[in-house]
Amino acid sequence: MLESSQARLESFTVFCRDAEPRLRHALVAAYGPDVGKEAAAEAIAYGWENWDRVRAMDNPIGYLYRVGRTTGTRWLRRPTRLPEPPRSSDPPWIEPALPGALNRLSRNQRIAVMLVKGYGLGYREVADLMGAGVSTVQKHVDRALGKLRKELEVDGA
């Protein structure tokens, strides 16, 4: 029996409440704020257009992350640049050297450390988004933190 359009809309809305922020965070970590947000929006739109097929998948968020990565790669022809901290007389909201240090990490290390440490996602969730194993994500985070600590001259705790 065919599902009503109202029921289809409601099931997609419930999915989006959970998936969209996670997808957006992951793509912003991968492509920067401008391209990442656009790629997430494109991936969500693709999800709606293909909702019957996407919702039947084992990992629909991971699939839409890959759709967003394809879109982001098309738009992005230069390396990811994170925004510089605001220049004012107020104390910076982050370590001023952090954006540059994050940009010098490998793409996978940057994505993993931003999602785990910056957005508080779990290793399993990040592994599902990246299409990698939990141990791989753990290694990316550990290596990224080591490089950041060394570059920023911070003692690890």
Protein backbone atom coordinates (compact mmCIF):
# COMPACT_ATOMS: atom_id res chain seq x y z
CA MET A 1 0.00 0.00 0.00
CA LEU A 2 1.29 3.45 -0.83
CA GLU A 3 2.09 5.76 2.04
CA SER A 4 0.17 9.03 2.17
CA SER A 5 2.09 12.16 1.32
CA GLN A 6 1.40 13.49 4.83
CA ALA A 7 2.90 10.38 6.46
CA ARG A 8 5.90 10.57 4.10
CA LEU A 9 6.43 14.23 5.02
CA GLU A 10 6.17 13.47 8.75
CA SER A 11 8.69 10.60 8.56
CA PHE A 12 11.15 12.81 6.68
CA THR A 13 10.64 15.67 9.16
CA VAL A 14 11.42 13.39 12.10
CA PHE A 15 14.53 12.13 10.31
CA CYS A 16 15.69 15.69 9.54
CA ARG A 17 15.38 16.90 13.13
CA ASP A 18 18.09 14.45 14.11
CA ALA A 19 20.10 14.18 10.90
CA GLU A 20 20.39 17.74 9.62
CA PRO A 21 22.47 19.21 12.48
CA ARG A 22 24.83 16.23 12.49
CA LEU A 23 25.16 16.31 8.73
CA ARG A 24 25.74 20.08 8.70
CA HIS A 25 28.40 19.85 11.43
CA ALA A 26 30.24 17.11 9.57
CA LEU A 27 30.20 18.94 6.24
CA VAL A 28 31.22 22.26 7.81
CA ALA A 29 34.15 20.43 9.39
CA ALA A 30 35.06 19.02 5.98
CA TYR A 31 34.51 22.06 3.74
CA GLY A 32 34.31 25.15 5.93
CA PRO A 33 31.19 27.08 6.93
CA ASP A 34 29.98 28.39 3.58
CA VAL A 35 30.40 25.33 1.39
CA GLY A 36 29.60 22.96 4.26
CA LYS A 37 26.20 24.52 4.93
CA GLU A 38 25.33 24.54 1.24
CA ALA A 39 26.45 20.92 0.83
CA ALA A 40 24.31 19.90 3.81
CA ALA A 41 21.29 21.68 2.34
CA GLU A 42 21.84 19.96 -1.00
CA ALA A 43 22.18 16.58 0.71
CA ILE A 44 18.94 17.09 2.66
CA ALA A 45 17.15 18.12 -0.54
CA TYR A 46 18.47 14.99 -2.25
CA GLY A 47 17.24 12.97 0.73
CA TRP A 48 13.74 14.37 0.34
CA GLU A 49 13.67 13.76 -3.41
CA ASN A 50 14.77 10.16 -2.87
CA TRP A 51 13.24 9.60 0.57
CA ASP A 52 11.67 6.22 -0.14
CA ARG A 53 15.06 4.79 -1.16
CA VAL A 54 17.17 6.69 1.39
CA ARG A 55 15.12 5.77 4.47
CA ALA A 56 15.40 2.08 3.62
CA MET A 57 19.22 2.26 3.87
CA ASP A 58 21.17 0.94 6.86
CA ASN A 59 22.91 4.29 7.35
CA PRO A 60 20.91 7.08 5.67
CA ILE A 61 22.88 9.88 7.39
CA GLY A 62 26.17 8.36 6.21
CA TYR A 63 24.80 8.11 2.69
CA LEU A 64 23.65 11.74 2.70
CA TYR A 65 27.06 12.75 4.09
CA ARG A 66 28.60 11.20 0.98
CA VAL A 67 26.08 13.05 -1.20
CA GLY A 68 27.09 16.27 0.56
CA ARG A 69 30.78 15.49 0.09
CA THR A 70 30.24 15.05 -3.64
CA THR A 71 28.45 18.39 -3.79
CA GLY A 72 31.05 20.11 -1.61
CA THR A 73 33.92 18.79 -3.69
CA ARG A 74 32.35 20.21 -6.82
CA TRP A 75 32.00 23.63 -5.21
CA LEU A 76 35.31 23.70 -3.46
CA ARG A 77 38.34 24.13 -5.66
CA ARG A 78 40.71 25.35 -2.97
CA PRO A 79 41.74 24.02 0.48
CA THR A 80 39.32 24.43 3.37
CA ARG A 81 39.90 27.67 5.21
CA LEU A 82 38.33 28.06 8.60
CA PRO A 83 37.26 31.56 9.58
CA GLU A 84 39.82 33.65 11.36
CA PRO A 85 38.84 34.82 14.84
CA PRO A 86 37.30 38.28 15.00
CA ARG A 87 39.82 41.07 15.31
CA SER A 88 38.90 43.31 18.20
CA SER A 89 40.20 44.52 21.53
CA ASP A 90 38.11 41.84 23.28
CA PRO A 91 39.86 38.62 24.21
CA PRO A 92 39.52 36.06 21.41
CA TRP A 93 36.79 33.46 21.76
CA ILE A 94 39.33 30.82 20.71
CA GLU A 95 43.09 30.46 20.61
CA PRO A 96 44.03 32.82 17.74
CA ALA A 97 46.41 30.28 16.19
CA LEU A 98 43.84 27.45 16.25
CA PRO A 99 42.21 28.01 12.81
CA GLY A 100 45.59 27.95 11.07
CA ALA A 101 46.67 24.88 13.02
CA LEU A 102 43.42 23.09 12.13
CA ASN A 103 43.91 23.97 8.45
CA ARG A 104 47.32 22.30 8.52
CA LEU A 105 45.87 18.96 9.69
CA SER A 106 44.94 16.33 7.15
CA ARG A 107 41.33 16.51 6.02
CA ASN A 108 40.32 13.35 7.93
CA GLN A 109 42.12 14.48 11.09
CA ARG A 110 40.42 17.89 10.93
CA ILE A 111 36.97 16.35 10.41
CA ALA A 112 37.42 13.80 13.18
CA VAL A 113 38.82 16.19 15.80
CA MET A 114 36.23 18.90 15.07
CA LEU A 115 33.30 16.49 15.26
CA VAL A 116 34.51 14.65 18.36
CA LYS A 117 36.07 17.49 20.36
CA GLY A 118 34.36 20.52 18.86
CA TYR A 119 30.80 19.24 18.43
CA GLY A 120 30.85 16.45 21.02
CA LEU A 121 29.82 13.61 18.72
CA GLY A 122 30.73 10.07 19.70
CA TYR A 123 33.40 8.05 17.93
CA ARG A 124 30.80 5.58 16.57
CA GLU A 125 28.70 8.39 15.12
CA VAL A 126 31.72 10.03 13.48
CA ALA A 127 32.85 6.64 12.16
CA ASP A 128 29.43 6.12 10.57
CA LEU A 129 29.50 9.59 9.01
CA MET A 130 33.02 9.16 7.64
CA GLY A 131 32.49 5.57 6.50
CA ALA A 132 35.41 4.45 8.66
CA GLY A 133 36.01 2.25 11.67
CA VAL A 134 35.86 3.54 15.23
CA SER A 135 39.56 2.77 15.71
CA THR A 136 40.41 4.79 12.60
CA VAL A 137 38.50 7.79 13.94
CA GLN A 138 40.25 7.38 17.30
CA LYS A 139 43.64 7.41 15.54
CA HIS A 140 42.70 10.51 13.53
CA VAL A 141 41.65 12.32 16.72
CA ASP A 142 44.73 11.23 18.68
CA ARG A 143 47.12 12.25 15.91
CA ALA A 144 45.31 15.54 15.32
CA LEU A 145 45.40 16.42 19.02
CA GLY A 146 49.09 15.55 19.15
CA LYS A 147 49.85 17.82 16.21
CA LEU A 148 47.71 20.64 17.62
CA ARG A 149 49.34 20.40 21.05
CA LYS A 150 52.80 20.46 19.50
CA GLU A 151 52.07 23.38 17.16
CA LEU A 152 50.21 25.41 19.80
CA GLU A 153 52.75 24.47 22.49
CA VAL A 154 50.10 23.08 24.83
CA ASP A 155 50.74 20.30 27.32
CA GLY A 156 48.37 17.37 26.75
CA ALA A 157 46.06 16.31 29.53
